C-alpha cells in the first residue's frame, strides 16, 4: 500500500514538474515570436501557457505587456478599453503572486499608463501617480530596468505637458501633482538609452522631449541614430518610420 501511495505521489510530482516546464517552454516560444514581430501568435501562446500553469509570472507579465501593445494599436474605443483592462488584470495577477517582481510592477505601470492616456482628464490625473509608483517599484527591484526608466520619462513628459483642464483636475483631486519637468523626462529617457540602446520606442520619445525643450541638435542626433537601428518588435517598424519622418521634417 505504501509503495502504491509513494508511486502515485511521485507520478504527481513528475507531472507537475512536466507541466511547469511545458509552460516555461511556451513562454520561451512566445518571446521568440515577439522578436519575429508576431504579437498575436505570441499573446495566444502566453495565454496557452497560463492554461497549463496559471501562476506562471513570465506568462502573466508577457500577456499583460502584449495586451497593452495590442490595445494601443486598436482604434475602436470600446475594444481598446477591453484590451487595456485585460492587460491590467494580468498585471494584477502577477503582482498578487510576486509583489516584488520587477516585471510585474513594470507591466502594471504600462497598463495603467495606457488606460490613463485613453481616458478623460480626471481619470488621467488619478492614474498618473500610480504609473509613477509602479515604475519606481520596478526600478527598486531591478535598478537596471531600462524600460521602467522609459515609463518614468514618459510620465514626466506627460505631466509636464498637462493642459489646463488636467491641471485643474490634479489640483482638485490631489492639491496638485508631483513636480515633473522636461529635463527629468530627458534624464530618464537617456538612462533607458544607456541601459538598452536597441529599444526603439525610447528614441522617438526622447527626440520629442529634446524638440519640446528646444534642443534641436540633440533631437536630430537621436533621430539619426534611431533610423540606423534594426527593428526587433512589431511596433518598431512604425516607430522607425515616425523617426525618419520627424528627421526629414527637421533637416
Foldseek 3Di string as FASTA:
>chain_A
DVVVVVVVVVVVVVVLVVLLVVLVVLLVVLVVCQQVQNLVVSLVSLVVSCVSPVQDLSSLLSNLQSLLVVLVPDDDLVSSVVSLVSSLVSLVSNCVNPVQALSSLQSNLSSLCSVLVSDDLLSVLVSLVSSLVSLVSSCVSPVLPLVSLQSVLVSLVPLQPDDPVNQVSQCVPPVGDPHGDLVSSLVSLVSSCVSPVQPLVSLLSNLVSCVVVVNNVVSLVSLVSSLVHDDRGNCSVVSNVVSVVVNVVSD
